[in-house]
N, C-alpha and C. Protein backbone atom coordinates (compact mmCIF):
# COMPACT_ATOMS: atom_id res chain seq x y z
N MET A 1 -141.41 72.06 -31.02
CA MET A 1 -141.10 73.37 -31.55
C MET A 1 -140.49 73.28 -32.95
N SER A 2 -139.68 72.25 -33.21
CA SER A 2 -139.05 72.09 -34.53
C SER A 2 -140.10 71.97 -35.62
N LYS A 3 -141.14 71.18 -35.36
CA LYS A 3 -142.20 70.97 -36.34
C LYS A 3 -142.91 72.28 -36.66
N GLU A 4 -143.14 73.12 -35.68
CA GLU A 4 -143.81 74.39 -35.91
C GLU A 4 -142.96 75.31 -36.78
N ILE A 5 -141.66 75.30 -36.57
CA ILE A 5 -140.77 76.14 -37.37
C ILE A 5 -140.78 75.69 -38.83
N VAL A 6 -140.73 74.38 -39.05
CA VAL A 6 -140.77 73.85 -40.41
C VAL A 6 -142.12 74.17 -41.06
N LYS A 7 -143.20 74.01 -40.33
CA LYS A 7 -144.52 74.35 -40.88
C LYS A 7 -144.59 75.83 -41.23
N ARG A 8 -143.97 76.66 -40.41
CA ARG A 8 -143.94 78.10 -40.69
C ARG A 8 -143.20 78.37 -42.00
N PHE A 9 -142.10 77.63 -42.25
CA PHE A 9 -141.39 77.79 -43.52
C PHE A 9 -142.34 77.57 -44.70
N TYR A 10 -143.08 76.46 -44.68
CA TYR A 10 -144.00 76.16 -45.79
C TYR A 10 -145.08 77.23 -45.92
N GLU A 11 -145.57 77.70 -44.79
CA GLU A 11 -146.59 78.76 -44.83
C GLU A 11 -146.04 80.01 -45.49
N TYR A 12 -144.87 80.47 -45.04
CA TYR A 12 -144.27 81.69 -45.59
C TYR A 12 -143.94 81.51 -47.07
N ALA A 13 -143.24 80.44 -47.41
CA ALA A 13 -142.82 80.23 -48.80
C ALA A 13 -144.04 80.06 -49.70
N GLY A 14 -145.06 79.36 -49.22
CA GLY A 14 -146.25 79.14 -50.02
C GLY A 14 -147.07 80.39 -50.27
N ASN A 15 -146.85 81.41 -49.47
CA ASN A 15 -147.56 82.68 -49.64
C ASN A 15 -146.66 83.79 -50.19
N GLY A 16 -145.50 83.39 -50.74
CA GLY A 16 -144.60 84.36 -51.35
C GLY A 16 -143.85 85.23 -50.37
N ARG A 17 -143.83 84.84 -49.11
CA ARG A 17 -143.14 85.62 -48.07
C ARG A 17 -141.72 85.07 -47.89
N PHE A 18 -140.92 85.22 -48.96
CA PHE A 18 -139.61 84.56 -49.01
C PHE A 18 -138.60 85.13 -48.01
N ALA A 19 -138.66 86.41 -47.74
CA ALA A 19 -137.73 87.00 -46.76
C ALA A 19 -137.99 86.41 -45.38
N GLU A 20 -139.25 86.23 -45.03
CA GLU A 20 -139.60 85.64 -43.74
C GLU A 20 -139.21 84.16 -43.71
N ALA A 21 -139.40 83.46 -44.83
CA ALA A 21 -138.99 82.04 -44.90
C ALA A 21 -137.49 81.93 -44.73
N ALA A 22 -136.73 82.78 -45.40
CA ALA A 22 -135.27 82.74 -45.32
C ALA A 22 -134.78 83.07 -43.91
N ALA A 23 -135.50 83.92 -43.21
CA ALA A 23 -135.09 84.32 -41.85
C ALA A 23 -135.19 83.16 -40.86
N LEU A 24 -135.89 82.09 -41.22
CA LEU A 24 -135.98 80.92 -40.35
C LEU A 24 -134.71 80.08 -40.36
N PHE A 25 -133.82 80.31 -41.33
CA PHE A 25 -132.58 79.54 -41.47
C PHE A 25 -131.45 80.17 -40.66
N SER A 26 -130.60 79.33 -40.12
CA SER A 26 -129.36 79.78 -39.48
C SER A 26 -128.44 80.35 -40.55
N PRO A 27 -127.60 81.32 -40.20
CA PRO A 27 -126.62 81.83 -41.18
C PRO A 27 -125.64 80.75 -41.66
N GLN A 28 -125.50 79.66 -40.91
CA GLN A 28 -124.62 78.56 -41.29
C GLN A 28 -125.39 77.36 -41.84
N ALA A 29 -126.61 77.56 -42.28
CA ALA A 29 -127.45 76.46 -42.75
C ALA A 29 -126.80 75.72 -43.92
N HIS A 30 -127.17 74.46 -44.05
CA HIS A 30 -126.63 73.58 -45.09
C HIS A 30 -127.81 72.90 -45.78
N ILE A 31 -127.92 73.10 -47.10
CA ILE A 31 -128.96 72.46 -47.90
C ILE A 31 -128.30 71.46 -48.83
N SER A 32 -128.85 70.25 -48.88
CA SER A 32 -128.42 69.22 -49.82
C SER A 32 -129.61 68.82 -50.67
N PHE A 33 -129.47 68.95 -51.99
CA PHE A 33 -130.48 68.45 -52.91
C PHE A 33 -129.81 67.34 -53.70
N TYR A 34 -130.22 66.11 -53.42
CA TYR A 34 -129.58 64.94 -54.00
C TYR A 34 -130.15 64.65 -55.37
N GLY A 35 -129.29 64.58 -56.38
CA GLY A 35 -129.76 64.26 -57.71
C GLY A 35 -128.65 64.43 -58.73
N PRO A 36 -128.94 64.06 -59.98
CA PRO A 36 -127.94 64.16 -61.05
C PRO A 36 -127.71 65.61 -61.45
N SER A 37 -126.58 65.87 -62.07
CA SER A 37 -126.24 67.24 -62.47
C SER A 37 -127.20 67.79 -63.52
N SER A 38 -127.98 66.93 -64.18
CA SER A 38 -128.96 67.41 -65.15
C SER A 38 -130.14 68.13 -64.49
N VAL A 39 -130.28 67.98 -63.19
CA VAL A 39 -131.26 68.76 -62.42
C VAL A 39 -130.48 69.96 -61.87
N PRO A 40 -130.75 71.16 -62.41
CA PRO A 40 -129.88 72.31 -62.13
C PRO A 40 -129.63 72.65 -60.67
N HIS A 41 -130.58 72.38 -59.79
CA HIS A 41 -130.39 72.75 -58.39
C HIS A 41 -129.85 71.61 -57.53
N SER A 42 -129.44 70.51 -58.15
CA SER A 42 -128.78 69.44 -57.39
C SER A 42 -127.46 69.95 -56.85
N GLY A 43 -127.15 69.59 -55.62
CA GLY A 43 -125.86 69.99 -55.05
C GLY A 43 -125.95 70.36 -53.59
N GLU A 44 -124.86 70.92 -53.12
CA GLU A 44 -124.71 71.33 -51.72
C GLU A 44 -124.67 72.85 -51.66
N TYR A 45 -125.38 73.42 -50.71
CA TYR A 45 -125.47 74.87 -50.56
C TYR A 45 -125.23 75.22 -49.10
N LEU A 46 -124.31 76.15 -48.87
CA LEU A 46 -123.91 76.48 -47.50
C LEU A 46 -124.15 77.95 -47.19
N GLY A 47 -124.67 78.20 -46.01
CA GLY A 47 -124.82 79.56 -45.51
C GLY A 47 -125.86 80.38 -46.24
N VAL A 48 -125.89 81.67 -45.94
CA VAL A 48 -126.87 82.59 -46.51
C VAL A 48 -126.71 82.67 -48.02
N ASP A 49 -125.47 82.77 -48.50
CA ASP A 49 -125.25 82.84 -49.94
C ASP A 49 -125.73 81.57 -50.63
N GLY A 50 -125.47 80.42 -50.03
CA GLY A 50 -125.93 79.16 -50.59
C GLY A 50 -127.44 79.07 -50.63
N LEU A 51 -128.08 79.51 -49.57
CA LEU A 51 -129.54 79.52 -49.51
C LEU A 51 -130.11 80.37 -50.64
N GLN A 52 -129.56 81.56 -50.82
CA GLN A 52 -130.03 82.44 -51.89
C GLN A 52 -129.78 81.82 -53.26
N GLU A 53 -128.62 81.21 -53.44
CA GLU A 53 -128.30 80.57 -54.72
C GLU A 53 -129.28 79.43 -55.02
N PHE A 54 -129.53 78.59 -54.04
CA PHE A 54 -130.44 77.46 -54.23
C PHE A 54 -131.82 77.94 -54.68
N PHE A 55 -132.40 78.89 -53.96
CA PHE A 55 -133.75 79.34 -54.30
C PHE A 55 -133.76 80.14 -55.60
N ALA A 56 -132.66 80.82 -55.94
CA ALA A 56 -132.58 81.52 -57.22
C ALA A 56 -132.57 80.53 -58.38
N ILE A 57 -131.84 79.43 -58.23
CA ILE A 57 -131.80 78.42 -59.29
C ILE A 57 -133.18 77.78 -59.45
N VAL A 58 -133.80 77.41 -58.34
CA VAL A 58 -135.14 76.81 -58.41
C VAL A 58 -136.09 77.78 -59.10
N GLY A 59 -136.11 79.03 -58.66
CA GLY A 59 -137.01 80.03 -59.23
C GLY A 59 -136.71 80.37 -60.68
N GLY A 60 -135.44 80.26 -61.06
CA GLY A 60 -135.05 80.58 -62.42
C GLY A 60 -135.30 79.48 -63.42
N THR A 61 -135.44 78.25 -62.94
CA THR A 61 -135.59 77.11 -63.85
C THR A 61 -136.96 76.47 -63.81
N LEU A 62 -137.72 76.70 -62.74
CA LEU A 62 -139.01 76.02 -62.58
C LEU A 62 -140.14 77.01 -62.33
N GLU A 63 -141.28 76.70 -62.88
CA GLU A 63 -142.53 77.35 -62.49
C GLU A 63 -143.25 76.33 -61.62
N VAL A 64 -143.17 76.53 -60.32
CA VAL A 64 -143.78 75.58 -59.39
C VAL A 64 -145.28 75.84 -59.35
N GLN A 65 -146.04 74.84 -59.75
CA GLN A 65 -147.49 74.97 -59.82
C GLN A 65 -148.15 74.50 -58.53
N ALA A 66 -147.55 73.51 -57.88
CA ALA A 66 -148.06 73.02 -56.60
C ALA A 66 -146.89 72.43 -55.83
N PHE A 67 -146.79 72.78 -54.57
CA PHE A 67 -145.76 72.23 -53.68
C PHE A 67 -146.45 71.99 -52.36
N GLU A 68 -146.76 70.71 -52.10
CA GLU A 68 -147.65 70.39 -51.00
C GLU A 68 -147.01 69.48 -49.97
N PRO A 69 -146.75 70.00 -48.78
CA PRO A 69 -146.36 69.11 -47.68
C PRO A 69 -147.60 68.38 -47.20
N LEU A 70 -147.52 67.06 -47.11
CA LEU A 70 -148.70 66.26 -46.79
C LEU A 70 -148.64 65.63 -45.40
N GLU A 71 -147.45 65.30 -44.93
CA GLU A 71 -147.32 64.61 -43.64
C GLU A 71 -146.05 65.07 -42.95
N PHE A 72 -146.16 65.35 -41.66
CA PHE A 72 -145.03 65.81 -40.84
C PHE A 72 -144.74 64.75 -39.77
N ILE A 73 -143.48 64.34 -39.69
CA ILE A 73 -143.06 63.37 -38.69
C ILE A 73 -141.91 64.01 -37.91
N ALA A 74 -142.12 64.27 -36.64
CA ALA A 74 -141.13 64.99 -35.84
C ALA A 74 -140.58 64.10 -34.73
N GLU A 75 -139.28 64.23 -34.50
CA GLU A 75 -138.60 63.53 -33.41
C GLU A 75 -137.45 64.44 -32.96
N GLY A 76 -137.59 65.05 -31.83
CA GLY A 76 -136.54 65.93 -31.31
C GLY A 76 -136.32 67.12 -32.22
N ASP A 77 -135.07 67.31 -32.65
CA ASP A 77 -134.74 68.46 -33.49
C ASP A 77 -134.90 68.17 -34.99
N ARG A 78 -135.40 66.98 -35.33
CA ARG A 78 -135.55 66.59 -36.74
C ARG A 78 -137.03 66.49 -37.11
N VAL A 79 -137.30 66.89 -38.36
CA VAL A 79 -138.66 66.81 -38.90
C VAL A 79 -138.55 66.27 -40.32
N ALA A 80 -139.26 65.17 -40.57
CA ALA A 80 -139.35 64.63 -41.93
C ALA A 80 -140.72 65.04 -42.48
N VAL A 81 -140.72 65.51 -43.71
CA VAL A 81 -141.96 65.95 -44.34
C VAL A 81 -142.10 65.21 -45.66
N LEU A 82 -143.25 64.57 -45.84
CA LEU A 82 -143.57 63.89 -47.09
C LEU A 82 -144.50 64.78 -47.88
N GLY A 83 -144.24 64.91 -49.18
CA GLY A 83 -145.08 65.79 -49.97
C GLY A 83 -145.02 65.48 -51.45
N ARG A 84 -145.58 66.41 -52.21
CA ARG A 84 -145.57 66.25 -53.66
C ARG A 84 -145.44 67.63 -54.31
N GLU A 85 -144.95 67.60 -55.54
CA GLU A 85 -144.73 68.82 -56.31
C GLU A 85 -145.18 68.59 -57.74
N ARG A 86 -145.74 69.63 -58.32
CA ARG A 86 -146.03 69.66 -59.75
C ARG A 86 -145.44 70.95 -60.27
N SER A 87 -144.56 70.83 -61.28
CA SER A 87 -143.85 72.00 -61.80
C SER A 87 -143.71 71.92 -63.30
N ARG A 88 -143.33 73.06 -63.88
CA ARG A 88 -143.04 73.16 -65.31
C ARG A 88 -141.62 73.70 -65.46
N VAL A 89 -140.84 73.05 -66.33
CA VAL A 89 -139.48 73.51 -66.62
C VAL A 89 -139.60 74.74 -67.53
N LYS A 90 -139.03 75.85 -67.12
CA LYS A 90 -139.18 77.10 -67.88
C LYS A 90 -138.56 77.02 -69.28
N ASP A 91 -137.42 76.36 -69.41
CA ASP A 91 -136.72 76.33 -70.70
C ASP A 91 -137.46 75.56 -71.79
N ASN A 92 -138.20 74.53 -71.42
CA ASN A 92 -138.81 73.70 -72.45
C ASN A 92 -140.32 73.47 -72.27
N GLY A 93 -140.90 73.98 -71.20
CA GLY A 93 -142.33 73.86 -70.99
C GLY A 93 -142.81 72.49 -70.50
N ARG A 94 -141.89 71.57 -70.29
CA ARG A 94 -142.25 70.22 -69.86
C ARG A 94 -142.70 70.23 -68.40
N GLU A 95 -143.80 69.55 -68.12
CA GLU A 95 -144.31 69.47 -66.76
C GLU A 95 -143.97 68.12 -66.15
N PHE A 96 -143.87 68.10 -64.83
CA PHE A 96 -143.64 66.85 -64.11
C PHE A 96 -144.32 66.91 -62.76
N SER A 97 -144.61 65.74 -62.24
CA SER A 97 -145.15 65.58 -60.89
C SER A 97 -144.28 64.57 -60.16
N VAL A 98 -143.88 64.91 -58.95
CA VAL A 98 -143.04 64.01 -58.17
C VAL A 98 -143.47 64.03 -56.72
N GLN A 99 -143.12 62.94 -56.04
CA GLN A 99 -143.24 62.90 -54.59
C GLN A 99 -141.87 63.18 -54.01
N TRP A 100 -141.85 63.66 -52.77
CA TRP A 100 -140.58 64.00 -52.14
C TRP A 100 -140.64 63.79 -50.63
N VAL A 101 -139.43 63.76 -50.06
CA VAL A 101 -139.24 63.78 -48.61
C VAL A 101 -138.19 64.84 -48.33
N GLN A 102 -138.48 65.70 -47.38
CA GLN A 102 -137.50 66.68 -46.92
C GLN A 102 -137.24 66.39 -45.45
N VAL A 103 -135.96 66.34 -45.09
CA VAL A 103 -135.57 66.11 -43.71
C VAL A 103 -134.90 67.38 -43.20
N TRP A 104 -135.50 67.97 -42.19
CA TRP A 104 -135.07 69.24 -41.62
C TRP A 104 -134.43 69.01 -40.25
N THR A 105 -133.43 69.79 -39.92
CA THR A 105 -132.87 69.82 -38.58
C THR A 105 -132.96 71.25 -38.07
N VAL A 106 -133.50 71.40 -36.88
CA VAL A 106 -133.70 72.71 -36.27
C VAL A 106 -132.94 72.74 -34.95
N GLU A 107 -132.11 73.77 -34.77
CA GLU A 107 -131.38 73.96 -33.51
C GLU A 107 -131.54 75.41 -33.08
N HIS A 108 -131.82 75.62 -31.82
CA HIS A 108 -131.98 76.96 -31.26
C HIS A 108 -132.99 77.77 -32.07
N GLN A 109 -134.07 77.11 -32.48
CA GLN A 109 -135.19 77.71 -33.22
C GLN A 109 -134.81 78.23 -34.60
N LYS A 110 -133.73 77.70 -35.17
CA LYS A 110 -133.32 78.05 -36.54
C LYS A 110 -133.09 76.77 -37.33
N ILE A 111 -133.42 76.80 -38.61
CA ILE A 111 -133.17 75.66 -39.48
C ILE A 111 -131.68 75.63 -39.80
N VAL A 112 -131.02 74.51 -39.48
CA VAL A 112 -129.59 74.39 -39.73
C VAL A 112 -129.28 73.41 -40.87
N ARG A 113 -130.27 72.56 -41.22
CA ARG A 113 -130.00 71.54 -42.24
C ARG A 113 -131.30 71.20 -42.95
N LEU A 114 -131.20 71.09 -44.27
CA LEU A 114 -132.31 70.62 -45.09
C LEU A 114 -131.75 69.62 -46.09
N ARG A 115 -132.28 68.42 -46.06
CA ARG A 115 -131.90 67.38 -47.02
C ARG A 115 -133.13 67.07 -47.87
N ASP A 116 -132.98 67.25 -49.19
CA ASP A 116 -134.08 67.05 -50.14
C ASP A 116 -133.91 65.74 -50.87
N TYR A 117 -134.94 64.90 -50.80
CA TYR A 117 -134.98 63.63 -51.52
C TYR A 117 -136.19 63.67 -52.44
N PHE A 118 -135.95 63.85 -53.72
CA PHE A 118 -137.01 63.95 -54.72
C PHE A 118 -136.86 62.82 -55.73
N ASP A 119 -137.90 62.59 -56.51
CA ASP A 119 -137.82 61.67 -57.65
C ASP A 119 -137.07 62.40 -58.76
N THR A 120 -135.75 62.43 -58.63
CA THR A 120 -134.95 63.22 -59.57
C THR A 120 -134.85 62.56 -60.95
N GLY A 121 -135.14 61.27 -61.05
CA GLY A 121 -135.18 60.64 -62.38
C GLY A 121 -136.26 61.28 -63.24
N THR A 122 -137.43 61.46 -62.66
CA THR A 122 -138.53 62.12 -63.38
C THR A 122 -138.18 63.57 -63.67
N MET A 123 -137.56 64.24 -62.71
CA MET A 123 -137.18 65.64 -62.91
C MET A 123 -136.14 65.75 -64.02
N ALA A 124 -135.15 64.86 -64.03
CA ALA A 124 -134.09 64.90 -65.05
C ALA A 124 -134.68 64.71 -66.44
N GLU A 125 -135.65 63.81 -66.59
CA GLU A 125 -136.30 63.61 -67.88
C GLU A 125 -136.98 64.89 -68.35
N ALA A 126 -137.63 65.59 -67.43
CA ALA A 126 -138.31 66.83 -67.79
C ALA A 126 -137.31 67.91 -68.20
N PHE A 127 -136.20 68.02 -67.49
CA PHE A 127 -135.20 69.02 -67.85
C PHE A 127 -134.55 68.70 -69.18
N ALA A 128 -134.41 67.41 -69.51
CA ALA A 128 -133.74 67.00 -70.75
C ALA A 128 -134.65 67.07 -71.97
N ALA A 129 -135.95 67.09 -71.77
CA ALA A 129 -136.91 67.00 -72.88
C ALA A 129 -136.83 68.22 -73.78
N GLN A 130 -137.02 67.98 -75.05
CA GLN A 130 -137.09 69.07 -76.04
C GLN A 130 -138.55 69.29 -76.39
N LEU A 131 -138.89 70.50 -76.73
CA LEU A 131 -140.27 70.79 -77.15
C LEU A 131 -140.59 70.14 -78.47
């Protein structure tokens, strides 16, 4: 069941159905995006306000051109997803492509934890680049 909930998140978010994607999260959800401070959305985000802040920062700084989950590995309440992203930094127009792993925890049919592991070195270079 956990894997289906995570797949549903990607389906909703990928089709612009952000309210439905957000509804899959617990009100106490915790998002961690590991990376340097030069990547604007790096940090810890807690609860509904944190979820909204995280996605607002991502949407405000990046034009995501492709975000593709490629492989799902599920064990109990945890789901690891391997994927790739291609995006453009809005401030400077620099594009980047990275691979990523997202580790999700689902309890009582709600997402309670998301840990993002991206190639943040490549992302940081793109954010730092000047036109």
